[in-house]
Amino acid sequence: MSKIILITGASTGLGAATARLLAPQNKIVVHYNSSKESAEKVAKDVEKNGGEAFLIQEDLTSEEACIRLVKKVSDKYSKLDILINNAGGLIRRQASDELEWKLMIETFSLNTFSTMKISSLCIPLLKKGEDPNIVNISSIAMRNGAPSATIYGACKGAVDSFTRGLAKELAPGIRVNAIAPGVIDTPFHEKVSTPEKMKQFKEGIPLKKIGEAIHIAKTIKFLIENDFITGETIDVNGGAFMR
């Protein structure tokens, strides 16, 4: 059965890989902020792979934008089967003794508040869906600690906690899970990690390689298909964090 899937931040990286993987026979809402050309390419790939694409542009750092996004989805579709809260990012690194209030607000708005608000707004649509579920993207940063990225790590820790709380509240009707990626080769690191830093990351990973976006996309697909998992955060990091 065809599923209606909303993926935030789907123009590049993890979101784009997920949209392409889930495309066959499904209707993919490709959300993007500024990368219009990349989003249009993802939409074309979705359709080449046997899916239907619907593009929506919004900057999710405000409540109003989150409301507009979900309104556009509900105007197009009467229900939603899957919500993938992928939009986020490390705006910039900052030492912990120099933390700026403005940066804290911006980082939490992008990574945490948008996930919480969009999830809340989508609940009525998800209740009409087939085996509805939410997948949130957390990060290894909330597991190991993130020097110079403590705000980002705290944001993802909040997403982790929100995932469990929402899973309990929405069970048994809607499943809610999360994925905590390790170091993944995406545009995320192009802005905030030097080649030297990436080499250092690689050397510290037991599998001795950097992850690829498809590794996360496959895990999202697994969570969508397994109807006996909820409230979990799956670590996908090549062994950089073990428990």
Foldseek 3Di string as FASTA:
>chain_A
DEFEEEEAQLLWFLNLLLLLVNLARYEYEQEHEPPPVSSVVSQVSSVVNHHHYHYDYFDQLDLVRLVVVVVVVCVVDVAHAEYEADFAAQPEFAAPVDDDPVSLSSRLSGQAVSVVSNVVSRVVRNLPYDQHEYEYEAACCLVPPDGSRNSNNVSSVNVLVVQLVVQVVPPPRYAGEYEHEYAEPIVRCVVYPDPVRVCVLLVLAPQSDGHYSNQVSVVVVVVSPDSPDHSYYHYHYNRSDDD
